[in-house]
Amino acid sequence: MSNASAPAIGDAAVLADLERVVLWPGHCGHGQAAWPFAAQVLRRARRVAVIADPRVWPLASPALQRAADRAGCRIAAVYDGVRPNPSLDEVRAAAAAIRADRCDALVAIGGGSAIDTAKVAYATVFGGQADPADLLAPGNAWMAGAPQADDPLFLAVPTTAGTGSESSTAALVKDERGRKLMFRSARSRPGAVVLAPELTLGLPRAATAAGGFDALLHAMGALVNDCDAPVGAALAAESLVRALHAYPRVLATPDDADARAAMLMASYLAGVAIGMKRVDAVHGLCTPLEGRVDMAHAEVLAAIFDPIADHTARKAAASYARAARRCGLAGPDEDDAQAAGRLLDAIRRMRALGGLPDRLPPLALTRDDALALADQALLSPSTRLNPRALDRDDIAGLYLDIAARSQAAPSTVILPAP
């Protein structure tokens, strides 16, 4: 019932370029099937470890306990010390809990921070590593490998709709100096996912807005980028359509369970899509900046969207136009520039509805600073897959533009519907 049942598809070297390999994520239970599905997949387990967000674990624990009882397994360890923007030390503590209780399965419950922590802890323990930092060693065969039939069960229960971590191959964790480290492996992606919208009903509006906007940009970035992965593109388009319709609803009516379910599915599909296609330069340029500003990930994305998207659209309007037509945002008779504008305006409209910023707080960058950030951004495959190619000088120029815009007062306006 999970991606752990997928057969091996060759040695690790074959998977070095995941843009050329389609690796399906695990199965997903949602709606009324969510918890019965959890009970079904937990039949593989005997001793289950849980890594959870401390705020949602009390809400989710009764349902998970019932699923474990039905499956005949035991929740043997719980680590609920995950905080936003988790660190390697939290991963180490989570891994120690899994090891201490000799667990043979892992359940992650929470938002992207909890699931990312669980991904890296899973890889550390079940990949036979002494420390999570060892996973980043060049040529790590476990991280580069395909899921194996005997890999331990990994079940994710996302309680936010945004990061798509439950279905993507990547995890972000900070090191001791506060730098964000990217861990990417198909083998540590959750093999099974439960989408339970009732666990998202209590989310504060700000968290709902931030998560949903992240999902929107995952879907858009995967849809417009230059990676040739048609299945990923189809999933990204479906995710974007769902998110554009559901996002205003969850903001206007937070207790709308159907809207919450639609956003969870949109986030899940976007996560699958970016696992196949990556995203674009908006995400590629975001991560290096996050170490310089005290803002949430989605807020940085929102703040830098305009200069990067506008710069890209001037030379690559066709990519945005195809995406707009595929999502029903533009008609076949509109030229590419008009159609591209429809897509970008739709994203801006969602940003304004969510109350997210359209620029960073005042930020000073020298050209040397901007070039150093550009060097980091170029390490991201998503930057290199941007529909308009960006070199080091282009990216440095964008960072300087972003810094210049940060000196002006915010001017977010809700745009009229097209």
Protein backbone atom coordinates (compact mmCIF):
# COMPACT_ATOMS: atom_id res chain seq x y z
CA MET A 1 0.00 0.00 0.00
CA SER A 2 2.97 2.33 -0.05
CA ASN A 3 5.80 3.38 -2.27
CA ALA A 4 7.94 1.02 -0.21
CA SER A 5 6.36 -1.77 -2.26
CA ALA A 6 7.76 -0.35 -5.47
CA PRO A 7 10.50 -2.45 -7.02
CA ALA A 8 14.04 -1.20 -7.27
CA ILE A 9 14.73 0.35 -10.66
CA GLY A 10 18.47 0.13 -11.01
CA ASP A 11 21.46 1.33 -9.08
CA ALA A 12 21.78 4.70 -7.38
CA ALA A 13 23.59 6.32 -10.29
CA VAL A 14 20.46 5.95 -12.44
CA LEU A 15 18.57 8.18 -10.01
CA ALA A 16 21.14 10.96 -9.87
CA ASP A 17 19.01 13.07 -12.22
CA LEU A 18 15.48 12.68 -10.88
CA GLU A 19 14.16 14.97 -13.60
CA ARG A 20 14.48 11.98 -15.96
CA VAL A 21 12.88 9.40 -13.66
CA VAL A 22 9.20 9.14 -12.73
CA LEU A 23 8.91 7.90 -9.14
CA TRP A 24 5.34 7.70 -7.92
CA PRO A 25 4.59 8.65 -4.32
CA GLY A 26 2.58 6.50 -1.96
CA HIS A 27 -1.14 5.97 -1.94
CA CYS A 28 -3.41 8.53 -0.32
CA GLY A 29 -6.50 8.07 1.82
CA HIS A 30 -8.80 11.09 2.02
CA GLY A 31 -12.31 12.03 3.01
CA GLN A 32 -14.26 9.23 4.72
CA ALA A 33 -11.54 6.75 3.70
CA ALA A 34 -8.76 8.61 5.50
CA TRP A 35 -8.57 6.79 8.83
CA PRO A 36 -9.68 3.35 7.58
CA PHE A 37 -6.83 3.68 5.09
CA ALA A 38 -4.45 4.52 7.95
CA ALA A 39 -5.55 1.35 9.77
CA GLN A 40 -4.98 -0.69 6.63
CA VAL A 41 -1.42 0.47 6.02
CA LEU A 42 -0.50 0.23 9.70
CA ARG A 43 -1.04 -3.52 9.52
CA ARG A 44 2.54 -3.67 8.25
CA ALA A 45 3.81 -2.28 11.55
CA ARG A 46 4.36 -3.60 15.05
CA ARG A 47 5.98 -0.71 16.92
CA VAL A 48 5.14 2.74 15.58
CA ALA A 49 7.04 5.96 16.24
CA VAL A 50 5.23 9.28 15.90
CA ILE A 51 6.87 12.61 15.08
CA ALA A 52 4.36 15.39 15.59
CA ASP A 53 3.71 19.07 15.93
CA PRO A 54 2.92 19.57 19.64
CA ARG A 55 -0.10 21.72 18.85
CA VAL A 56 -1.88 19.14 16.71
CA TRP A 57 -0.78 15.88 18.29
CA PRO A 58 -3.49 16.02 21.01
CA LEU A 59 -6.13 16.47 18.28
CA ALA A 60 -4.84 13.70 16.05
CA SER A 61 -3.80 11.14 18.64
CA PRO A 62 -7.28 9.64 19.31
CA ALA A 63 -7.88 8.90 15.63
CA LEU A 64 -4.38 7.50 15.14
CA GLN A 65 -4.71 5.35 18.27
CA ARG A 66 -7.97 3.89 16.97
CA ALA A 67 -6.30 3.15 13.63
CA ALA A 68 -3.38 1.48 15.40
CA ASP A 69 -5.75 -0.60 17.52
CA ARG A 70 -7.59 -1.78 14.40
CA ALA A 71 -4.27 -2.61 12.76
CA GLY A 72 -2.98 -4.56 15.78
CA CYS A 73 0.13 -2.44 16.26
CA ARG A 74 1.33 -0.23 19.10
CA ILE A 75 2.36 3.43 19.27
CA ALA A 76 5.67 2.87 21.02
CA ALA A 77 7.32 6.31 20.84
CA VAL A 78 6.17 9.90 20.42
CA TYR A 79 8.45 12.85 19.71
CA ASP A 80 6.39 16.05 19.72
CA GLY A 81 9.17 18.59 20.09
CA VAL A 82 9.06 19.85 16.50
CA ARG A 83 9.15 23.63 16.10
CA PRO A 84 8.78 25.82 13.01
CA ASN A 85 11.92 25.76 10.85
CA PRO A 86 13.30 22.60 12.50
CA SER A 87 16.97 22.07 13.22
CA LEU A 88 19.35 19.14 13.00
CA ASP A 89 19.15 18.84 16.78
CA GLU A 90 15.40 18.18 16.55
CA VAL A 91 16.06 15.54 13.91
CA ARG A 92 18.63 13.94 16.20
CA ALA A 93 16.16 13.86 19.09
CA ALA A 94 13.46 12.36 16.87
CA ALA A 95 15.86 9.74 15.50
CA ALA A 96 16.93 8.84 19.05
CA ALA A 97 13.28 8.22 20.01
CA ILE A 98 12.79 5.89 17.03
CA ARG A 99 15.94 3.95 17.88
CA ALA A 100 15.34 3.78 21.63
CA ASP A 101 12.00 2.05 21.20
CA ARG A 102 13.13 -0.16 18.29
CA CYS A 103 10.31 1.10 16.08
CA ASP A 104 9.68 -0.45 12.67
CA ALA A 105 7.35 2.24 11.27
CA LEU A 106 7.05 6.02 11.39
CA VAL A 107 4.03 8.36 11.37
CA ALA A 108 4.49 12.11 10.85
CA ILE A 109 1.68 14.41 11.96
CA GLY A 110 1.74 18.16 11.41
CA GLY A 111 2.78 20.72 8.87
CA GLY A 112 5.89 20.88 6.76
CA SER A 113 8.20 21.24 9.76
CA ALA A 114 7.00 17.99 11.37
CA ILE A 115 7.00 16.05 8.12
CA ASP A 116 10.42 17.37 7.07
CA THR A 117 11.83 16.43 10.48
CA ALA A 118 10.33 12.97 10.10
CA LYS A 119 11.75 12.54 6.59
CA VAL A 120 15.29 13.25 7.72
CA ALA A 121 14.92 11.18 10.91
CA TYR A 122 13.53 8.28 8.84
CA ALA A 123 16.50 8.45 6.47
CA THR A 124 18.95 8.67 9.38
CA VAL A 125 17.58 5.66 11.26
CA PHE A 126 16.47 3.36 8.48
CA GLY A 127 19.28 4.44 6.18
CA GLY A 128 21.78 3.32 8.79
CA GLN A 129 23.39 6.72 9.35
CA ALA A 130 25.05 7.76 12.61
CA ASP A 131 23.96 11.40 12.22
CA PRO A 132 21.57 13.25 9.89
CA ALA A 133 24.42 15.36 8.53
CA ASP A 134 25.90 12.16 7.08
CA LEU A 135 22.98 11.99 4.65
CA LEU A 136 24.44 14.91 2.72
CA ALA A 137 27.75 13.17 2.02
CA PRO A 138 28.44 13.00 -1.73
CA GLY A 139 27.41 9.69 -3.24
CA ASN A 140 25.18 8.59 -0.37
CA ALA A 141 23.67 5.49 -2.00
CA TRP A 142 20.68 5.22 0.34
CA MET A 143 19.55 8.80 -0.37
CA ALA A 144 19.98 8.35 -4.12
CA GLY A 145 18.29 4.96 -4.25
CA ALA A 146 14.79 3.92 -5.21
CA PRO A 147 12.24 2.75 -2.61
CA GLN A 148 12.67 -0.92 -1.71
CA ALA A 149 10.02 -3.51 -0.94
CA ASP A 150 11.27 -3.99 2.61
CA ASP A 151 11.62 -0.32 3.53
CA PRO A 152 9.81 0.45 6.81
CA LEU A 153 6.38 2.03 6.60
CA PHE A 154 6.29 5.84 6.58
CA LEU A 155 2.83 7.42 6.93
CA ALA A 156 2.27 11.20 6.81
CA VAL A 157 -0.78 13.05 8.13
CA PRO A 158 -0.48 16.71 7.03
CA THR A 159 -2.37 19.20 9.16
CA THR A 160 -1.64 22.20 6.97
CA ALA A 161 -2.40 22.61 3.27
CA GLY A 162 0.63 24.15 1.69
CA THR A 163 4.09 22.64 1.80
CA GLY A 164 3.21 19.37 0.05
CA SER A 165 5.98 17.77 2.10
CA GLU A 166 3.79 14.70 2.54
CA SER A 167 4.20 13.89 -1.16
CA SER A 168 7.45 15.57 -2.22
CA THR A 169 10.99 14.20 -2.11
CA ALA A 170 12.57 17.20 -0.36
CA ALA A 171 13.01 18.27 3.26
CA LEU A 172 14.48 21.48 4.66
CA VAL A 173 16.27 21.50 8.03
CA LYS A 174 18.51 24.16 9.57
CA ASP A 175 22.07 23.46 10.62
CA GLU A 176 23.78 24.83 13.72
CA ARG A 177 24.48 28.14 11.99
CA GLY A 178 20.88 28.61 10.88
CA ARG A 179 21.53 27.71 7.24
CA LYS A 180 18.79 25.71 5.54
CA LEU A 181 19.97 22.32 4.31
CA MET A 182 18.11 20.51 1.53
CA PHE A 183 17.66 16.75 1.93
CA ARG A 184 16.16 15.12 -1.15
CA SER A 185 15.36 11.43 -1.52
CA ALA A 186 12.55 9.41 -3.08
CA ARG A 187 13.28 6.77 -0.50
CA SER A 188 12.46 8.99 2.48
CA ARG A 189 9.26 10.32 0.95
CA PRO A 190 6.20 9.10 2.90
CA GLY A 191 4.89 5.89 1.39
CA ALA A 192 1.32 6.57 2.51
CA VAL A 193 -0.61 9.76 3.17
CA VAL A 194 -3.79 10.50 5.12
CA LEU A 195 -5.65 13.72 4.29
CA ALA A 196 -7.99 14.43 7.20
CA PRO A 197 -9.52 17.91 6.78
CA GLU A 198 -10.91 17.97 10.33
CA LEU A 199 -7.34 18.37 11.59
CA THR A 200 -6.99 21.65 9.66
CA LEU A 201 -10.19 23.33 10.87
CA GLY A 202 -8.50 25.03 13.80
CA LEU A 203 -5.67 26.55 11.80
CA PRO A 204 -5.28 30.30 12.35
CA ARG A 205 -6.09 32.42 9.32
CA ALA A 206 -2.46 33.48 8.88
CA ALA A 207 -1.28 29.86 8.75
CA THR A 208 -4.08 28.96 6.33
CA ALA A 209 -3.18 31.89 4.08
CA ALA A 210 0.56 31.18 4.13
CA GLY A 211 0.21 27.45 3.50
CA GLY A 212 -2.30 27.90 0.71
CA PHE A 213 -0.13 30.45 -1.05
CA ASP A 214 2.85 28.13 -0.89
CA ALA A 215 0.72 25.42 -2.53
CA LEU A 216 -0.35 27.85 -5.26
CA LEU A 217 3.26 28.70 -6.10
CA HIS A 218 4.28 25.04 -6.01
CA ALA A 219 1.59 24.27 -8.56
CA MET A 220 2.34 27.27 -10.75
CA GLY A 221 6.10 26.77 -10.64
CA ALA A 222 5.81 23.10 -11.56
CA LEU A 223 3.39 23.90 -14.36
CA VAL A 224 5.43 26.62 -16.07
CA ASN A 225 9.00 25.36 -15.68
CA ASP A 226 11.07 23.73 -18.42
CA CYS A 227 11.22 20.19 -17.02
CA ASP A 228 9.71 17.74 -19.51
CA ALA A 229 7.54 15.66 -17.18
CA PRO A 230 4.00 15.49 -18.61
CA VAL A 231 2.50 13.59 -15.69
CA GLY A 232 3.86 16.18 -13.27
CA ALA A 233 2.49 18.97 -15.45
CA ALA A 234 -0.98 17.42 -15.46
CA LEU A 235 -0.94 17.10 -11.68
CA ALA A 236 0.32 20.68 -11.29
CA ALA A 237 -2.53 21.97 -13.47
CA GLU A 238 -5.12 20.05 -11.46
CA SER A 239 -3.57 21.32 -8.23
CA LEU A 240 -3.59 24.92 -9.41
CA VAL A 241 -7.25 24.78 -10.48
CA ARG A 242 -8.29 23.28 -7.14
CA ALA A 243 -6.23 25.77 -5.14
CA LEU A 244 -7.50 28.84 -7.02
CA HIS A 245 -11.07 27.82 -6.23
CA ALA A 246 -10.55 26.57 -2.67
CA TYR A 247 -8.15 29.22 -1.34
CA PRO A 248 -10.70 32.08 -1.19
CA ARG A 249 -13.21 29.71 0.41
CA VAL A 250 -10.97 28.58 3.27
CA LEU A 251 -10.09 32.20 4.00
CA ALA A 252 -13.70 33.38 3.92
CA THR A 253 -15.22 30.35 5.68
CA PRO A 254 -12.58 28.64 7.83
CA ASP A 255 -14.93 25.88 9.01
CA ASP A 256 -15.82 24.80 5.47
CA ALA A 257 -14.63 21.19 5.60
CA ASP A 258 -15.09 20.69 1.84
CA ALA A 259 -12.86 23.69 1.09
CA ARG A 260 -10.29 22.44 3.58
CA ALA A 261 -10.34 19.03 1.90
CA ALA A 262 -9.89 20.64 -1.52
CA MET A 263 -6.87 22.62 -0.30
CA LEU A 264 -5.33 19.50 1.24
CA MET A 265 -5.70 17.66 -2.06
CA ALA A 266 -4.30 20.63 -3.98
CA SER A 267 -1.26 20.70 -1.70
CA TYR A 268 -0.79 16.94 -2.00
CA LEU A 269 -0.99 17.03 -5.81
CA ALA A 270 1.41 19.97 -5.96
CA GLY A 271 3.86 18.02 -3.81
CA VAL A 272 3.70 15.09 -6.22
CA ALA A 273 4.18 17.47 -9.13
CA ILE A 274 7.26 19.14 -7.69
CA GLY A 275 8.71 15.72 -6.88
CA MET A 276 8.59 15.06 -10.61
CA LYS A 277 9.25 18.55 -12.02
CA ARG A 278 10.66 20.83 -9.29
CA VAL A 279 9.39 24.44 -9.33
CA ASP A 280 10.77 27.69 -10.79
CA ALA A 281 13.03 30.61 -9.88
CA VAL A 282 10.57 32.10 -7.39
CA HIS A 283 11.28 29.18 -5.10
CA GLY A 284 14.89 28.90 -6.27
CA LEU A 285 15.67 32.48 -5.22
CA CYS A 286 13.57 32.29 -2.04
CA THR A 287 15.66 29.90 0.04
CA PRO A 288 18.92 31.93 0.01
CA LEU A 289 16.99 35.01 1.14
CA GLU A 290 15.32 33.25 4.05
CA GLY A 291 18.51 33.41 6.08
CA ARG A 292 18.53 37.21 5.79
CA VAL A 293 14.94 38.10 6.69
CA ASP A 294 12.76 37.17 9.66
CA MET A 295 9.76 36.01 7.65
CA ALA A 296 7.90 32.79 7.01
CA HIS A 297 8.66 30.91 3.81
CA ALA A 298 5.36 31.83 2.15
CA GLU A 299 5.80 35.49 3.07
CA VAL A 300 9.18 35.59 1.33
CA LEU A 301 7.68 33.87 -1.73
CA ALA A 302 4.89 36.43 -1.84
CA ALA A 303 7.28 39.35 -1.42
CA ILE A 304 9.63 38.34 -4.26
CA PHE A 305 7.04 37.01 -6.68
CA ASP A 306 6.48 40.18 -8.73
CA PRO A 307 10.04 41.05 -9.84
CA ILE A 308 10.90 37.43 -10.67
CA ALA A 309 7.65 36.58 -12.45
CA ASP A 310 7.57 39.88 -14.36
CA HIS A 311 11.19 39.45 -15.46
CA THR A 312 10.48 35.90 -16.62
CA ALA A 313 7.24 36.75 -18.38
CA ARG A 314 8.89 39.41 -20.54
CA LYS A 315 10.82 36.71 -22.41
CA ALA A 316 8.84 33.55 -21.62
CA ALA A 317 5.21 34.64 -21.79
CA ALA A 318 4.35 31.50 -23.75
CA SER A 319 5.05 29.28 -20.73
CA TYR A 320 2.72 31.27 -18.50
CA ALA A 321 0.15 31.54 -21.29
CA ARG A 322 0.01 27.76 -21.76
CA ALA A 323 -0.51 27.36 -18.03
CA ALA A 324 -3.25 30.00 -17.96
CA ARG A 325 -5.14 28.34 -20.82
CA ARG A 326 -4.72 24.91 -19.27
CA CYS A 327 -6.31 26.17 -16.06
CA GLY A 328 -9.13 28.00 -17.81
CA LEU A 329 -7.81 31.44 -16.88
CA ALA A 330 -7.39 32.61 -20.47
CA GLY A 331 -9.12 31.94 -23.76
CA PRO A 332 -7.53 30.57 -26.93
CA ASP A 333 -7.94 33.90 -28.73
CA GLU A 334 -5.89 35.93 -26.26
CA ASP A 335 -2.27 36.52 -27.17
CA ASP A 336 0.47 35.08 -24.98
CA ALA A 337 1.16 38.33 -23.15
CA GLN A 338 -2.50 38.76 -22.21
CA ALA A 339 -2.87 35.12 -21.19
CA ALA A 340 0.30 35.25 -19.09
CA GLY A 341 -1.02 38.36 -17.38
CA ARG A 342 -4.18 36.46 -16.43
CA LEU A 343 -2.16 33.85 -14.58
CA LEU A 344 0.10 36.33 -12.79
CA ASP A 345 -2.87 38.49 -11.80
CA ALA A 346 -4.66 35.44 -10.39
CA ILE A 347 -1.66 34.72 -8.16
CA ARG A 348 -1.48 38.36 -7.07
CA ARG A 349 -5.18 38.32 -6.28
CA MET A 350 -4.72 35.28 -4.04
CA ARG A 351 -1.76 36.96 -2.34
CA ALA A 352 -3.87 40.02 -1.55
CA LEU A 353 -6.76 37.92 -0.27
CA GLY A 354 -4.37 36.17 2.07
CA GLY A 355 -2.92 39.45 3.35
CA LEU A 356 0.59 38.43 2.32
CA PRO A 357 3.25 41.05 1.58
CA ASP A 358 4.19 42.21 -1.91
CA ARG A 359 7.71 43.15 -0.86
CA LEU A 360 10.26 42.43 1.83
CA PRO A 361 10.85 44.65 4.85
CA PRO A 362 13.74 47.07 4.27
CA LEU A 363 16.74 45.05 3.12
CA ALA A 364 20.16 46.39 2.19
CA LEU A 365 22.24 44.39 -0.30
CA THR A 366 25.53 45.24 -1.95
CA ARG A 367 26.33 43.83 -5.37
CA ASP A 368 28.71 41.39 -3.72
CA ASP A 369 25.87 40.30 -1.41
CA ALA A 370 23.63 39.81 -4.42
CA LEU A 371 26.24 37.78 -6.28
CA ALA A 372 26.77 35.56 -3.23
CA LEU A 373 23.01 34.96 -3.04
CA ALA A 374 22.97 34.24 -6.77
CA ASP A 375 25.63 31.56 -6.33
CA GLN A 376 23.39 29.86 -3.76
CA ALA A 377 20.29 30.19 -5.94
CA LEU A 378 22.06 28.57 -8.88
CA LEU A 379 22.56 25.43 -6.80
CA SER A 380 18.80 24.86 -6.98
CA PRO A 381 17.55 22.79 -9.94
CA SER A 382 14.37 24.90 -9.82
CA THR A 383 16.35 28.04 -10.65
CA ARG A 384 17.91 26.28 -13.62
CA LEU A 385 14.48 25.10 -14.80
CA ASN A 386 12.97 28.59 -14.83
CA PRO A 387 11.16 29.19 -18.15
CA ARG A 388 13.44 32.16 -18.80
CA ALA A 389 17.07 31.15 -18.36
CA LEU A 390 18.85 33.10 -15.63
CA ASP A 391 22.60 33.50 -15.28
CA ARG A 392 24.52 34.73 -12.26
CA ASP A 393 24.29 38.40 -13.25
CA ASP A 394 20.56 38.11 -13.99
CA ILE A 395 19.90 36.65 -10.55
CA ALA A 396 22.07 39.21 -8.78
CA GLY A 397 20.12 41.92 -10.59
CA LEU A 398 16.84 40.42 -9.42
CA TYR A 399 18.08 40.36 -5.82
CA LEU A 400 19.10 44.01 -6.07
CA ASP A 401 15.67 44.83 -7.53
CA ILE A 402 13.99 42.97 -4.66
CA ALA A 403 16.11 44.95 -2.16
CA ALA A 404 15.28 48.25 -3.87
CA ARG A 405 11.56 47.44 -3.79
CA SER A 406 11.85 46.68 -0.07
CA GLN A 407 12.66 50.33 0.61
CA ALA A 408 9.23 51.44 -0.62
CA ALA A 409 6.01 51.12 1.35
CA PRO A 410 3.89 48.00 0.71
CA SER A 411 1.10 48.53 -1.78
CA THR A 412 -0.85 45.28 -1.87
CA VAL A 413 -4.24 45.80 -3.55
CA ILE A 414 -6.94 43.20 -4.19
CA LEU A 415 -7.27 43.02 -7.93
CA PRO A 416 -10.68 42.64 -9.56
CA ALA A 417 -11.58 39.17 -10.78
CA PRO A 418 -10.91 38.66 -14.50
